[in-house]
Protein backbone atom coordinates (compact mmCIF):
# COMPACT_ATOMS: atom_id res chain seq x y z
CA UNK A 1 -23.15 -20.87 6.97
CA UNK A 2 -19.18 -20.69 6.69
CA UNK A 3 -17.07 -18.58 8.36
CA UNK A 4 -14.63 -17.55 5.52
CA UNK A 5 -12.81 -14.13 6.23
CA UNK A 6 -12.82 -11.69 3.63
CA UNK A 7 -9.67 -11.89 1.65
CA UNK A 8 -9.31 -8.27 0.38
CA UNK A 9 -7.75 -5.22 1.56
CA UNK A 10 -10.24 -2.41 2.52
CA UNK A 11 -10.12 1.02 0.97
CA UNK A 12 -8.69 2.63 4.02
CA UNK A 13 -5.73 0.19 3.98
CA UNK A 14 -5.29 0.49 0.49
CA UNK A 15 -5.16 4.41 0.61
CA UNK A 16 -2.70 4.17 3.62
CA UNK A 17 -0.44 1.76 1.79
CA UNK A 18 -0.55 4.08 -1.09
CA UNK A 19 0.32 7.06 0.98
CA UNK A 20 3.01 5.35 3.16
CA UNK A 21 4.53 2.29 1.14
CA UNK A 22 6.41 0.57 3.96
CA UNK A 23 2.88 -0.02 5.41
CA UNK A 24 2.07 -1.77 2.18
CA UNK A 25 5.32 -3.64 2.41
CA UNK A 26 4.69 -4.78 6.06
CA UNK A 27 0.97 -5.85 5.18
CA UNK A 28 2.16 -8.09 2.08
CA UNK A 29 4.53 -9.75 4.59
CA UNK A 30 1.84 -10.31 7.24
CA UNK A 31 -0.82 -11.62 5.19
CA UNK A 32 1.06 -13.11 2.26
CA UNK A 33 0.05 -17.02 3.23
CA UNK A 34 -3.11 -16.61 5.06
CA UNK A 35 -4.67 -14.34 2.76
CA UNK A 36 -2.92 -13.99 -0.63
CA UNK A 37 -5.22 -11.83 -2.56
CA UNK A 38 -5.19 -9.17 0.52
CA UNK A 39 -1.27 -9.15 0.35
CA UNK A 40 -0.99 -8.95 -3.50
CA UNK A 41 -3.64 -5.93 -3.11
CA UNK A 42 -1.51 -4.38 -0.51
CA UNK A 43 2.12 -4.81 -2.45
CA UNK A 44 0.42 -3.82 -5.55
CA UNK A 45 -0.65 0.00 -3.84
CA UNK A 46 2.96 0.17 -2.30
CA UNK A 47 4.29 -0.43 -5.45
CA UNK A 48 2.32 2.45 -6.68
CA UNK A 49 3.08 4.84 -3.76
CA UNK A 50 6.88 4.65 -4.34
CA UNK A 51 6.95 6.40 -7.56
CA UNK A 52 4.31 8.73 -6.53
CA UNK A 53 6.14 9.55 -3.29
CA UNK A 54 9.58 10.16 -4.99
CA UNK A 55 7.60 12.55 -7.85
CA UNK A 56 6.07 14.64 -4.70
CA UNK A 57 9.56 14.97 -3.11
CA UNK A 58 11.06 16.04 -6.14
CA UNK A 59 8.33 18.54 -6.68
CA UNK A 60 8.07 19.98 -3.27
CA UNK A 61 12.12 20.04 -2.93
CA UNK A 62 12.56 21.83 -6.26
CA UNK A 63 9.52 24.06 -6.58
CA UNK A 64 7.88 24.71 -3.31
CA UNK A 65 10.77 25.18 -1.04
CA UNK A 66 12.84 27.12 -2.77
């Protein structure tokens, strides 16, 4: 039996990284050498979250907070 840690990002962390991109960038730099797959998924989620956050802030500012 081997003790190989899981090299995958959990669903909850994926959603947090998507909602708050700085968390994804932090997790990428934290796990980039020891867990490369986990780091890649965190960075991907953060990069997807940036345009979503920009679009949502535009919609909220331009249309909802008139």
